[in-house]
Amino acid sequence: MGGLQYLLAEKVAALAWSQPAYLYSRNYISDLGIPHCGVIADGREICSPCMR
């Protein structure tokens, strides 16, 4: 049951990303809660929807 709740919560959080869209193949779930927008060490540009 806990796994299903996690997957549902992850899907809801991922849907909040619009520009750029959250892609499971490109983003990590930890990107959804990143406290600052910008480029990180591996070169990816990220910005959590709650920081906009």
C-alpha atoms as a PDB file:
ATOM      1  CA  MET A   1       0.000   0.000   0.000  1.00  0.00           C
ATOM      2  CA  GLY A   2       2.831   2.407   0.846  1.00  0.00           C
ATOM      3  CA  GLY A   3       4.441   1.907  -2.565  1.00  0.00           C
ATOM      4  CA  LEU A   4       1.212   2.769  -4.346  1.00  0.00           C
ATOM      5  CA  GLN A   5       0.826   5.937  -2.274  1.00  0.00           C
ATOM      6  CA  TYR A   6       4.402   6.936  -3.104  1.00  0.00           C
ATOM      7  CA  LEU A   7       3.878   6.455  -6.847  1.00  0.00           C
ATOM      8  CA  LEU A   8       0.634   8.424  -6.766  1.00  0.00           C
ATOM      9  CA  ALA A   9       2.264  11.287  -4.820  1.00  0.00           C
ATOM     10  CA  GLU A  10       5.212  11.299  -7.234  1.00  0.00           C
ATOM     11  CA  LYS A  11       2.842  11.506 -10.217  1.00  0.00           C
ATOM     12  CA  VAL A  12       0.900  14.418  -8.683  1.00  0.00           C
ATOM     13  CA  ALA A  13       4.131  16.293  -7.923  1.00  0.00           C
ATOM     14  CA  ALA A  14       5.530  15.620 -11.401  1.00  0.00           C
ATOM     15  CA  LEU A  15       2.372  16.984 -13.019  1.00  0.00           C
ATOM     16  CA  ALA A  16       2.994  20.326 -11.275  1.00  0.00           C
ATOM     17  CA  TRP A  17       6.072  20.864 -13.480  1.00  0.00           C
ATOM     18  CA  SER A  18       5.156  22.706 -16.665  1.00  0.00           C
ATOM     19  CA  GLN A  19       8.213  24.546 -18.031  1.00  0.00           C
ATOM     20  CA  PRO A  20      10.137  22.379 -18.603  1.00  0.00           C
ATOM     21  CA  ALA A  21       7.938  19.364 -18.131  1.00  0.00           C
ATOM     22  CA  TYR A  22       9.083  16.701 -15.655  1.00  0.00           C
ATOM     23  CA  LEU A  23      10.266  13.627 -17.529  1.00  0.00           C
ATOM     24  CA  TYR A  24      10.862  10.369 -15.682  1.00  0.00           C
ATOM     25  CA  SER A  25      13.703   9.576 -18.104  1.00  0.00           C
ATOM     26  CA  ARG A  26      15.491  12.894 -17.489  1.00  0.00           C
ATOM     27  CA  ASN A  27      14.631  14.142 -13.998  1.00  0.00           C
ATOM     28  CA  TYR A  28      15.059  12.652 -10.551  1.00  0.00           C
ATOM     29  CA  ILE A  29      12.283  12.700  -7.947  1.00  0.00           C
ATOM     30  CA  SER A  30      14.599  14.759  -5.730  1.00  0.00           C
ATOM     31  CA  ASP A  31      14.396  17.546  -8.351  1.00  0.00           C
ATOM     32  CA  LEU A  32      10.794  18.163  -7.310  1.00  0.00           C
ATOM     33  CA  GLY A  33      11.851  19.579  -3.949  1.00  0.00           C
ATOM     34  CA  ILE A  34      15.089  21.382  -4.831  1.00  0.00           C
ATOM     35  CA  PRO A  35      15.264  24.636  -2.826  1.00  0.00           C
ATOM     36  CA  HIS A  36      16.886  26.796  -5.563  1.00  0.00           C
ATOM     37  CA  CYS A  37      16.564  27.138  -9.325  1.00  0.00           C
ATOM     38  CA  GLY A  38      19.647  26.817 -11.514  1.00  0.00           C
ATOM     39  CA  VAL A  39      22.195  24.501 -13.052  1.00  0.00           C
ATOM     40  CA  ILE A  40      23.495  21.717 -10.824  1.00  0.00           C
ATOM     41  CA  ALA A  41      26.835  19.889 -10.869  1.00  0.00           C
ATOM     42  CA  ASP A  42      25.841  17.373 -13.560  1.00  0.00           C
ATOM     43  CA  GLY A  43      24.843  20.200 -15.953  1.00  0.00           C
ATOM     44  CA  ARG A  44      21.076  19.842 -15.673  1.00  0.00           C
ATOM     45  CA  GLU A  45      18.988  22.992 -15.227  1.00  0.00           C
ATOM     46  CA  ILE A  46      16.304  22.458 -12.614  1.00  0.00           C
ATOM     47  CA  CYS A  47      13.641  24.534 -10.924  1.00  0.00           C
ATOM     48  CA  SER A  48      11.024  23.048  -8.636  1.00  0.00           C
ATOM     49  CA  PRO A  49       7.490  24.325  -9.306  1.00  0.00           C
ATOM     50  CA  CYS A  50       7.191  25.453  -5.688  1.00  0.00           C
ATOM     51  CA  MET A  51      10.112  27.886  -6.251  1.00  0.00           C
ATOM     52  CA  ARG A  52       8.353  29.828  -9.025  1.00  0.00           C
END
